[in-house]
């Protein structure tokens, strides 16, 4: 579930940002994606 949501977020970023060229670029270079990733991971750890 967590990975599916992250994949959807990456695809949404690629669709909406004309500067994004690849999924790898989004994962490595986008600070907003990093913040969302860390938040979702921390929330999951808190709940489980």
C-alpha atoms as a PDB file:
ATOM      1  CA  UNK A   1       0.000   0.000   0.000  1.00  0.00           C
ATOM      2  CA  UNK A   2       2.760   2.438   0.911  1.00  0.00           C
ATOM      3  CA  UNK A   3       4.721   1.670  -2.255  1.00  0.00           C
ATOM      4  CA  UNK A   4       1.615   1.975  -4.427  1.00  0.00           C
ATOM      5  CA  UNK A   5       0.920   5.436  -3.012  1.00  0.00           C
ATOM      6  CA  UNK A   6       4.513   6.506  -3.572  1.00  0.00           C
ATOM      7  CA  UNK A   7       4.400   5.305  -7.163  1.00  0.00           C
ATOM      8  CA  UNK A   8       1.198   7.303  -7.699  1.00  0.00           C
ATOM      9  CA  UNK A   9       2.861  10.391  -6.203  1.00  0.00           C
ATOM     10  CA  UNK A  10       5.855  10.015  -8.515  1.00  0.00           C
ATOM     11  CA  UNK A  11       3.575   9.627 -11.536  1.00  0.00           C
ATOM     12  CA  UNK A  12       1.553  12.690 -10.493  1.00  0.00           C
ATOM     13  CA  UNK A  13       4.737  14.732 -10.179  1.00  0.00           C
ATOM     14  CA  UNK A  14       5.885  13.605 -13.619  1.00  0.00           C
ATOM     15  CA  UNK A  15       2.521  14.515 -15.130  1.00  0.00           C
ATOM     16  CA  UNK A  16       2.313  17.965 -13.528  1.00  0.00           C
ATOM     17  CA  UNK A  17       5.909  19.200 -13.620  1.00  0.00           C
ATOM     18  CA  UNK A  18       7.298  19.797 -17.099  1.00  0.00           C
ATOM     19  CA  UNK A  19      10.855  19.960 -15.706  1.00  0.00           C
ATOM     20  CA  UNK A  20      10.698  16.392 -14.385  1.00  0.00           C
ATOM     21  CA  UNK A  21      12.266  14.027 -16.907  1.00  0.00           C
ATOM     22  CA  UNK A  22      12.222  10.667 -15.144  1.00  0.00           C
ATOM     23  CA  UNK A  23      10.987   8.832 -12.076  1.00  0.00           C
ATOM     24  CA  UNK A  24      14.543   8.542 -10.813  1.00  0.00           C
ATOM     25  CA  UNK A  25      14.981  12.306 -10.999  1.00  0.00           C
ATOM     26  CA  UNK A  26      11.822  12.835  -8.946  1.00  0.00           C
ATOM     27  CA  UNK A  27      12.953  10.332  -6.301  1.00  0.00           C
ATOM     28  CA  UNK A  28      16.488  11.717  -6.021  1.00  0.00           C
ATOM     29  CA  UNK A  29      16.078  15.467  -6.563  1.00  0.00           C
ATOM     30  CA  UNK A  30      12.661  16.658  -5.415  1.00  0.00           C
ATOM     31  CA  UNK A  31      12.625  17.835  -1.778  1.00  0.00           C
ATOM     32  CA  UNK A  32       8.824  17.818  -1.674  1.00  0.00           C
ATOM     33  CA  UNK A  33       8.835  14.142  -2.533  1.00  0.00           C
ATOM     34  CA  UNK A  34      11.420  13.484   0.191  1.00  0.00           C
ATOM     35  CA  UNK A  35       9.274  15.293   2.763  1.00  0.00           C
ATOM     36  CA  UNK A  36       6.212  13.298   1.766  1.00  0.00           C
ATOM     37  CA  UNK A  37       8.151  10.036   1.832  1.00  0.00           C
ATOM     38  CA  UNK A  38       9.573  10.677   5.312  1.00  0.00           C
ATOM     39  CA  UNK A  39       6.210  11.808   6.649  1.00  0.00           C
ATOM     40  CA  UNK A  40       4.403   8.734   5.353  1.00  0.00           C
ATOM     41  CA  UNK A  41       7.118   6.428   6.669  1.00  0.00           C
ATOM     42  CA  UNK A  42       7.080   8.071  10.115  1.00  0.00           C
ATOM     43  CA  UNK A  43       3.293   7.928  10.231  1.00  0.00           C
ATOM     44  CA  UNK A  44       3.317   4.246   9.294  1.00  0.00           C
ATOM     45  CA  UNK A  45       5.898   3.493  11.986  1.00  0.00           C
ATOM     46  CA  UNK A  46       3.858   5.440  14.540  1.00  0.00           C
ATOM     47  CA  UNK A  47       0.705   3.492  13.722  1.00  0.00           C
ATOM     48  CA  UNK A  48       2.366   0.052  13.724  1.00  0.00           C
END
